[in-house]
């Protein structure tokens, strides 16, 4: 049986007191933390979700699903630069991820970088022609002759 790498998380006990450390995360606890982070995002608690996702990503930095969820948490918490960086990391690994393009576009739009956002809205719509992606892409209407 393979044991996961140690993951350290600090729990502060109070002012002036030493922090207690949890030094081992199992695959089971990482799955539980990932699922709990999803629930915290749905409950609009991005800070709580980020705390849990930091542990998951520290143990598995290659996990694209965890990085995408962390990007969503950053976006929800209005931390636009970290959200942008995480969405870009996801897209480096999965350039055909329509949702990541769409979410990156929303992030760029929120940062008032509309030209960059439009490119990613269009990529999202080209990869997945969902109505919300196509609407956001704002393709020019066909010209009549």
Protein backbone atom coordinates (compact mmCIF):
# COMPACT_ATOMS: atom_id res chain seq x y z
CA UNK A 1 0.00 0.00 0.00
CA UNK A 2 1.39 3.38 -1.05
CA UNK A 3 1.33 6.18 1.50
CA UNK A 4 0.93 9.75 0.35
CA UNK A 5 3.56 12.38 0.93
CA UNK A 6 3.33 14.29 4.19
CA UNK A 7 1.22 17.40 4.06
CA UNK A 8 1.63 19.99 6.76
CA UNK A 9 -1.23 22.18 7.87
CA UNK A 10 -1.03 24.58 10.76
CA UNK A 11 -3.82 25.16 13.22
CA UNK A 12 -3.30 28.26 15.34
CA UNK A 13 -4.43 27.74 18.89
CA UNK A 14 -4.48 31.35 19.98
CA UNK A 15 -2.44 34.53 20.32
CA UNK A 16 1.10 33.82 21.40
CA UNK A 17 0.63 30.03 21.35
CA UNK A 18 2.49 27.57 19.14
CA UNK A 19 0.65 26.22 16.12
CA UNK A 20 -0.27 22.55 16.09
CA UNK A 21 0.63 20.68 12.91
CA UNK A 22 -1.13 17.83 11.15
CA UNK A 23 1.62 16.06 9.24
CA UNK A 24 -0.06 13.28 7.27
CA UNK A 25 -2.82 13.38 4.69
CA UNK A 26 -4.19 10.13 3.34
CA UNK A 27 -5.82 9.73 -0.06
CA UNK A 28 -9.15 9.40 1.73
CA UNK A 29 -8.75 12.64 3.68
CA UNK A 30 -7.68 14.46 0.50
CA UNK A 31 -10.85 13.32 -1.29
CA UNK A 32 -12.92 14.42 1.70
CA UNK A 33 -11.18 17.82 1.69
CA UNK A 34 -11.74 18.22 -2.07
CA UNK A 35 -15.46 17.41 -1.71
CA UNK A 36 -15.75 19.71 1.30
CA UNK A 37 -14.10 22.49 -0.71
CA UNK A 38 -16.72 22.00 -3.44
CA UNK A 39 -19.45 22.38 -0.82
CA UNK A 40 -17.81 25.51 0.60
CA UNK A 41 -17.68 27.08 -2.85
CA UNK A 42 -21.37 26.25 -3.34
CA UNK A 43 -22.00 27.88 0.05
CA UNK A 44 -20.04 30.95 -1.13
CA UNK A 45 -17.14 30.46 1.30
CA UNK A 46 -14.07 30.75 -0.93
CA UNK A 47 -11.62 31.29 1.94
CA UNK A 48 -12.64 28.05 3.60
CA UNK A 49 -12.40 26.22 0.28
CA UNK A 50 -8.93 27.62 -0.38
CA UNK A 51 -7.64 26.36 2.96
CA UNK A 52 -8.74 22.83 2.11
CA UNK A 53 -7.54 22.98 -1.49
CA UNK A 54 -4.08 24.13 -0.48
CA UNK A 55 -3.63 20.79 1.27
CA UNK A 56 -4.92 18.81 -1.71
CA UNK A 57 -2.72 20.67 -4.20
CA UNK A 58 0.34 20.44 -1.96
CA UNK A 59 -0.06 16.65 -2.02
CA UNK A 60 -1.01 16.45 -5.71
CA UNK A 61 0.13 19.54 -7.65
CA UNK A 62 -0.70 17.81 -10.94
CA UNK A 63 -4.40 17.49 -10.04
CA UNK A 64 -6.16 19.67 -12.60
CA UNK A 65 -9.59 19.30 -10.99
CA UNK A 66 -8.26 20.66 -7.69
CA UNK A 67 -6.54 23.55 -9.49
CA UNK A 68 -9.74 24.38 -11.38
CA UNK A 69 -11.69 24.37 -8.13
CA UNK A 70 -9.04 26.57 -6.50
CA UNK A 71 -9.25 28.99 -9.43
CA UNK A 72 -13.01 29.18 -8.94
CA UNK A 73 -12.49 29.89 -5.23
CA UNK A 74 -10.02 32.68 -6.03
CA UNK A 75 -12.51 34.15 -8.52
CA UNK A 76 -15.36 33.94 -6.02
CA UNK A 77 -13.16 35.69 -3.45
CA UNK A 78 -12.30 38.44 -5.99
CA UNK A 79 -8.64 37.41 -6.01
CA UNK A 80 -8.38 37.93 -9.74
CA UNK A 81 -4.63 37.55 -10.30
CA UNK A 82 -4.37 34.20 -8.48
CA UNK A 83 -7.56 33.05 -10.27
CA UNK A 84 -6.06 34.00 -13.63
CA UNK A 85 -2.84 32.14 -12.85
CA UNK A 86 -4.69 28.97 -11.81
CA UNK A 87 -6.97 29.04 -14.86
CA UNK A 88 -3.88 29.45 -17.05
CA UNK A 89 -2.23 26.49 -15.34
CA UNK A 90 -5.29 24.38 -16.09
CA UNK A 91 -5.26 25.53 -19.72
CA UNK A 92 -1.56 24.68 -20.09
CA UNK A 93 -2.47 21.11 -19.17
CA UNK A 94 -5.86 20.99 -20.88
CA UNK A 95 -5.97 23.54 -23.72
CA UNK A 96 -9.33 22.17 -24.86
CA UNK A 97 -11.06 22.81 -21.52
CA UNK A 98 -13.94 25.07 -22.59
CA UNK A 99 -15.01 25.85 -19.03
CA UNK A 100 -11.48 26.96 -18.07
CA UNK A 101 -11.39 29.30 -21.09
CA UNK A 102 -14.81 30.68 -20.14
CA UNK A 103 -13.87 31.17 -16.49
CA UNK A 104 -10.55 32.77 -17.43
CA UNK A 105 -12.47 35.10 -19.73
CA UNK A 106 -14.82 36.07 -16.89
CA UNK A 107 -11.79 36.72 -14.70
CA UNK A 108 -10.15 38.91 -17.34
CA UNK A 109 -13.45 40.71 -17.98
CA UNK A 110 -13.79 41.43 -14.27
CA UNK A 111 -10.23 42.83 -14.32
CA UNK A 112 -11.30 45.15 -17.17
CA UNK A 113 -9.13 43.33 -19.73
CA UNK A 114 -11.91 42.98 -22.29
CA UNK A 115 -9.82 42.20 -25.39
CA UNK A 116 -8.06 39.31 -23.66
CA UNK A 117 -11.37 38.14 -22.25
CA UNK A 118 -13.04 38.14 -25.67
CA UNK A 119 -10.38 35.78 -27.05
CA UNK A 120 -11.07 33.24 -24.30
CA UNK A 121 -14.85 33.64 -24.58
CA UNK A 122 -14.52 32.80 -28.27
CA UNK A 123 -12.28 29.83 -27.61
CA UNK A 124 -14.78 28.53 -25.05
CA UNK A 125 -17.65 28.89 -27.54
CA UNK A 126 -15.65 27.22 -30.31
CA UNK A 127 -14.81 24.27 -28.04
CA UNK A 128 -18.32 23.95 -26.60
CA UNK A 129 -21.17 25.85 -28.28
CA UNK A 130 -23.29 26.06 -25.13
CA UNK A 131 -25.67 29.02 -25.33
CA UNK A 132 -24.00 30.89 -22.45
CA UNK A 133 -20.55 30.46 -24.02
CA UNK A 134 -21.78 31.58 -27.45
CA UNK A 135 -23.60 34.58 -26.00
CA UNK A 136 -20.52 35.67 -24.04
CA UNK A 137 -18.34 35.28 -27.16
CA UNK A 138 -20.34 38.09 -28.78
CA UNK A 139 -19.64 36.95 -32.30
CA UNK A 140 -20.41 39.57 -34.91
CA UNK A 141 -23.78 38.93 -36.57
CA UNK A 142 -23.57 37.80 -40.20
CA UNK A 143 -23.55 40.68 -42.66
CA UNK A 144 -26.26 40.77 -45.27
CA UNK A 145 -25.23 41.51 -48.85
